[in-house]
C-alpha atoms as a PDB file:
ATOM      1  CA  UNK A   1       0.124  -0.094  -0.097  1.00  0.00           C
ATOM      2  CA  UNK A   2       1.150   3.266  -0.482  1.00  0.00           C
ATOM      3  CA  UNK A   3       0.748   6.135   1.748  1.00  0.00           C
ATOM      4  CA  UNK A   4       0.223   9.830   0.265  1.00  0.00           C
ATOM      5  CA  UNK A   5       2.490  12.320   1.548  1.00  0.00           C
ATOM      6  CA  UNK A   6       0.662  14.704   3.159  1.00  0.00           C
ATOM      7  CA  UNK A   7       0.439  18.088   2.458  1.00  0.00           C
ATOM      8  CA  UNK A   8      -0.101  20.538   4.630  1.00  0.00           C
ATOM      9  CA  UNK A   9      -2.064  23.936   3.927  1.00  0.00           C
ATOM     10  CA  UNK A  10      -2.613  26.699   6.184  1.00  0.00           C
ATOM     11  CA  UNK A  11      -6.105  25.503   7.906  1.00  0.00           C
ATOM     12  CA  UNK A  12      -3.928  22.953   8.970  1.00  0.00           C
ATOM     13  CA  UNK A  13      -1.074  24.714  10.895  1.00  0.00           C
ATOM     14  CA  UNK A  14      -0.857  25.409  14.371  1.00  0.00           C
ATOM     15  CA  UNK A  15       1.276  28.760  14.449  1.00  0.00           C
ATOM     16  CA  UNK A  16       3.535  29.314  17.390  1.00  0.00           C
ATOM     17  CA  UNK A  17       4.771  32.724  18.625  1.00  0.00           C
ATOM     18  CA  UNK A  18       8.463  32.842  19.321  1.00  0.00           C
ATOM     19  CA  UNK A  19      10.584  35.603  21.036  1.00  0.00           C
ATOM     20  CA  UNK A  20      14.093  36.138  20.460  1.00  0.00           C
ATOM     21  CA  UNK A  21      16.577  38.484  21.481  1.00  0.00           C
ATOM     22  CA  UNK A  22      18.972  40.017  18.805  1.00  0.00           C
ATOM     23  CA  UNK A  23      21.691  41.447  21.561  1.00  0.00           C
ATOM     24  CA  UNK A  24      25.160  40.518  20.371  1.00  0.00           C
ATOM     25  CA  UNK A  25      23.912  38.408  17.543  1.00  0.00           C
ATOM     26  CA  UNK A  26      25.542  38.451  14.231  1.00  0.00           C
ATOM     27  CA  UNK A  27      23.396  40.175  11.716  1.00  0.00           C
ATOM     28  CA  UNK A  28      23.448  37.422   8.549  1.00  0.00           C
ATOM     29  CA  UNK A  29      23.506  34.363  10.782  1.00  0.00           C
ATOM     30  CA  UNK A  30      20.692  35.796  13.051  1.00  0.00           C
ATOM     31  CA  UNK A  31      18.524  36.744  10.351  1.00  0.00           C
ATOM     32  CA  UNK A  32      19.003  33.414   8.331  1.00  0.00           C
ATOM     33  CA  UNK A  33      17.713  31.532  11.273  1.00  0.00           C
ATOM     34  CA  UNK A  34      14.634  33.790  11.868  1.00  0.00           C
ATOM     35  CA  UNK A  35      13.767  33.529   8.104  1.00  0.00           C
ATOM     36  CA  UNK A  36      13.895  29.303   8.713  1.00  0.00           C
ATOM     37  CA  UNK A  37      11.434  30.073  11.734  1.00  0.00           C
ATOM     38  CA  UNK A  38       9.102  32.209   9.593  1.00  0.00           C
ATOM     39  CA  UNK A  39       9.063  29.549   6.630  1.00  0.00           C
ATOM     40  CA  UNK A  40       8.313  26.661   8.952  1.00  0.00           C
ATOM     41  CA  UNK A  41      11.483  24.988   7.873  1.00  0.00           C
ATOM     42  CA  UNK A  42      11.769  24.075  11.329  1.00  0.00           C
ATOM     43  CA  UNK A  43       8.631  21.609  11.628  1.00  0.00           C
ATOM     44  CA  UNK A  44       8.215  18.315  10.239  1.00  0.00           C
ATOM     45  CA  UNK A  45       5.133  19.877   8.599  1.00  0.00           C
ATOM     46  CA  UNK A  46       7.239  21.831   6.556  1.00  0.00           C
ATOM     47  CA  UNK A  47       5.415  22.571   2.888  1.00  0.00           C
ATOM     48  CA  UNK A  48       7.127  24.159   0.204  1.00  0.00           C
ATOM     49  CA  UNK A  49       4.230  25.780  -1.277  1.00  0.00           C
ATOM     50  CA  UNK A  50       2.611  26.633   2.198  1.00  0.00           C
ATOM     51  CA  UNK A  51       2.815  29.278   4.861  1.00  0.00           C
ATOM     52  CA  UNK A  52       3.395  26.956   7.741  1.00  0.00           C
ATOM     53  CA  UNK A  53       5.894  28.866   9.496  1.00  0.00           C
ATOM     54  CA  UNK A  54       5.818  30.577  12.960  1.00  0.00           C
ATOM     55  CA  UNK A  55       5.438  34.302  14.368  1.00  0.00           C
ATOM     56  CA  UNK A  56       8.612  36.095  15.286  1.00  0.00           C
ATOM     57  CA  UNK A  57       9.259  38.667  17.725  1.00  0.00           C
ATOM     58  CA  UNK A  58      12.607  40.069  17.599  1.00  0.00           C
ATOM     59  CA  UNK A  59      13.507  42.511  20.500  1.00  0.00           C
ATOM     60  CA  UNK A  60      16.721  44.805  20.839  1.00  0.00           C
ATOM     61  CA  UNK A  61      17.488  44.923  17.367  1.00  0.00           C
ATOM     62  CA  UNK A  62      19.477  48.176  18.073  1.00  0.00           C
ATOM     63  CA  UNK A  63      22.142  45.838  19.514  1.00  0.00           C
ATOM     64  CA  UNK A  64      22.898  43.350  16.773  1.00  0.00           C
ATOM     65  CA  UNK A  65      26.286  43.647  15.310  1.00  0.00           C
ATOM     66  CA  UNK A  66      28.451  42.390  12.222  1.00  0.00           C
ATOM     67  CA  UNK A  67      31.868  40.937  12.195  1.00  0.00           C
ATOM     68  CA  UNK A  68      35.767  42.352  11.497  1.00  0.00           C
ATOM     69  CA  UNK A  69      34.522  45.946  11.750  1.00  0.00           C
ATOM     70  CA  UNK A  70      31.828  46.111   8.895  1.00  0.00           C
ATOM     71  CA  UNK A  71      29.974  48.443  10.742  1.00  0.00           C
ATOM     72  CA  UNK A  72      31.559  51.481   8.835  1.00  0.00           C
ATOM     73  CA  UNK A  73      32.513  49.354   5.387  1.00  0.00           C
ATOM     74  CA  UNK A  74      29.129  47.497   4.546  1.00  0.00           C
ATOM     75  CA  UNK A  75      27.091  49.867   2.121  1.00  0.00           C
ATOM     76  CA  UNK A  76      23.341  49.561   0.776  1.00  0.00           C
ATOM     77  CA  UNK A  77      22.464  51.023  -2.460  1.00  0.00           C
ATOM     78  CA  UNK A  78      19.109  52.423  -4.159  1.00  0.00           C
ATOM     79  CA  UNK A  79      18.631  54.297  -7.041  1.00  0.00           C
ATOM     80  CA  UNK A  80      16.252  56.973  -6.672  1.00  0.00           C
ATOM     81  CA  UNK A  81      14.513  56.578 -10.482  1.00  0.00           C
ATOM     82  CA  UNK A  82      15.948  59.891 -11.379  1.00  0.00           C
ATOM     83  CA  UNK A  83      19.501  59.951 -13.454  1.00  0.00           C
ATOM     84  CA  UNK A  84      22.477  59.386 -11.807  1.00  0.00           C
ATOM     85  CA  UNK A  85      20.762  59.544  -8.326  1.00  0.00           C
ATOM     86  CA  UNK A  86      22.387  55.959  -6.629  1.00  0.00           C
ATOM     87  CA  UNK A  87      22.029  56.820  -3.030  1.00  0.00           C
ATOM     88  CA  UNK A  88      24.082  54.974  -0.319  1.00  0.00           C
ATOM     89  CA  UNK A  89      24.181  54.061   3.512  1.00  0.00           C
ATOM     90  CA  UNK A  90      26.697  52.728   5.727  1.00  0.00           C
ATOM     91  CA  UNK A  91      25.157  49.960   7.991  1.00  0.00           C
ATOM     92  CA  UNK A  92      26.342  52.456  11.099  1.00  0.00           C
ATOM     93  CA  UNK A  93      23.986  55.131   9.522  1.00  0.00           C
ATOM     94  CA  UNK A  94      20.870  53.109   8.571  1.00  0.00           C
ATOM     95  CA  UNK A  95      21.446  51.535  12.277  1.00  0.00           C
ATOM     96  CA  UNK A  96      21.191  54.956  13.385  1.00  0.00           C
ATOM     97  CA  UNK A  97      18.375  55.654  11.615  1.00  0.00           C
ATOM     98  CA  UNK A  98      15.733  52.623  12.029  1.00  0.00           C
ATOM     99  CA  UNK A  99      17.518  49.016  13.168  1.00  0.00           C
ATOM    100  CA  UNK A 100      14.259  47.845  12.991  1.00  0.00           C
ATOM    101  CA  UNK A 101      14.241  48.272   9.234  1.00  0.00           C
ATOM    102  CA  UNK A 102      17.661  47.006   9.045  1.00  0.00           C
ATOM    103  CA  UNK A 103      16.791  43.435  10.622  1.00  0.00           C
ATOM    104  CA  UNK A 104      13.569  43.658   8.112  1.00  0.00           C
ATOM    105  CA  UNK A 105      14.865  44.135   5.056  1.00  0.00           C
ATOM    106  CA  UNK A 106      17.685  41.538   5.881  1.00  0.00           C
ATOM    107  CA  UNK A 107      15.331  38.587   6.589  1.00  0.00           C
ATOM    108  CA  UNK A 108      13.220  39.919   3.710  1.00  0.00           C
ATOM    109  CA  UNK A 109      16.409  39.030   1.423  1.00  0.00           C
ATOM    110  CA  UNK A 110      16.482  35.311   3.351  1.00  0.00           C
ATOM    111  CA  UNK A 111      12.565  34.752   2.462  1.00  0.00           C
ATOM    112  CA  UNK A 112      11.244  33.688  -1.195  1.00  0.00           C
ATOM    113  CA  UNK A 113      10.892  36.742  -3.625  1.00  0.00           C
ATOM    114  CA  UNK A 114       7.251  35.960  -4.020  1.00  0.00           C
ATOM    115  CA  UNK A 115       3.592  36.326  -2.809  1.00  0.00           C
ATOM    116  CA  UNK A 116       4.530  33.678   0.144  1.00  0.00           C
ATOM    117  CA  UNK A 117       7.262  35.717   1.043  1.00  0.00           C
ATOM    118  CA  UNK A 118       4.968  38.975   1.357  1.00  0.00           C
ATOM    119  CA  UNK A 119       2.806  37.140   3.515  1.00  0.00           C
ATOM    120  CA  UNK A 120       5.861  35.669   5.693  1.00  0.00           C
ATOM    121  CA  UNK A 121       7.423  38.792   6.497  1.00  0.00           C
ATOM    122  CA  UNK A 122       3.952  40.382   8.261  1.00  0.00           C
ATOM    123  CA  UNK A 123       4.682  37.714  10.651  1.00  0.00           C
ATOM    124  CA  UNK A 124       7.855  39.381  11.742  1.00  0.00           C
ATOM    125  CA  UNK A 125       7.731  41.860  14.774  1.00  0.00           C
ATOM    126  CA  UNK A 126      10.705  43.592  15.284  1.00  0.00           C
ATOM    127  CA  UNK A 127      11.166  46.420  18.045  1.00  0.00           C
ATOM    128  CA  UNK A 128      14.819  48.309  18.639  1.00  0.00           C
ATOM    129  CA  UNK A 129      14.070  47.953  22.691  1.00  0.00           C
ATOM    130  CA  UNK A 130      13.424  45.154  25.390  1.00  0.00           C
ATOM    131  CA  UNK A 131       9.854  45.424  25.348  1.00  0.00           C
ATOM    132  CA  UNK A 132       6.804  44.728  22.801  1.00  0.00           C
ATOM    133  CA  UNK A 133       3.216  44.519  22.897  1.00  0.00           C
ATOM    134  CA  UNK A 134       2.612  40.814  22.547  1.00  0.00           C
ATOM    135  CA  UNK A 135       2.565  39.553  25.686  1.00  0.00           C
ATOM    136  CA  UNK A 136      -0.946  38.133  25.179  1.00  0.00           C
ATOM    137  CA  UNK A 137      -0.025  35.799  22.926  1.00  0.00           C
ATOM    138  CA  UNK A 138       2.522  34.289  25.250  1.00  0.00           C
ATOM    139  CA  UNK A 139       5.692  34.232  22.992  1.00  0.00           C
ATOM    140  CA  UNK A 140       8.049  31.158  23.526  1.00  0.00           C
ATOM    141  CA  UNK A 141      11.391  32.767  24.710  1.00  0.00           C
ATOM    142  CA  UNK A 142      14.321  31.199  22.725  1.00  0.00           C
ATOM    143  CA  UNK A 143      17.647  31.356  23.944  1.00  0.00           C
ATOM    144  CA  UNK A 144      20.632  32.098  21.093  1.00  0.00           C
ATOM    145  CA  UNK A 145      21.858  28.899  21.596  1.00  0.00           C
ATOM    146  CA  UNK A 146      18.174  27.260  20.920  1.00  0.00           C
ATOM    147  CA  UNK A 147      17.525  29.275  17.654  1.00  0.00           C
ATOM    148  CA  UNK A 148      20.758  27.912  16.280  1.00  0.00           C
ATOM    149  CA  UNK A 149      19.426  23.945  17.075  1.00  0.00           C
ATOM    150  CA  UNK A 150      16.172  24.339  15.736  1.00  0.00           C
END
């Protein structure tokens, strides 16, 4: 007898809430693990074409770091749409303006670039300080070593 492979849809998924502290974490490695939680790859019910992931709350986003002194070397570029208007900001400048946006952009780049990725990024809640308004959801607090074990 052939057992069919189960196909999980969003109605079949139990969504967890995780609270993760970004203090002292390295930006790229940390965001890769957060993206993994959002996509749902940490679960046995992972289905590639479906949104089976969890909600993730990130606190202390302003305390994330880069390695090898890249705070002033790493640059973010964008174009305004006008001729010759390529703009540039370093990581330090961007963190000064909005540490929340730095993490959101980094995680967004690690998610699928399609409609599912657009839905997944809405489940990421990032806060610069240690406080967040999601205490009613009773999020599971993940320590940094637990985050890398999932």
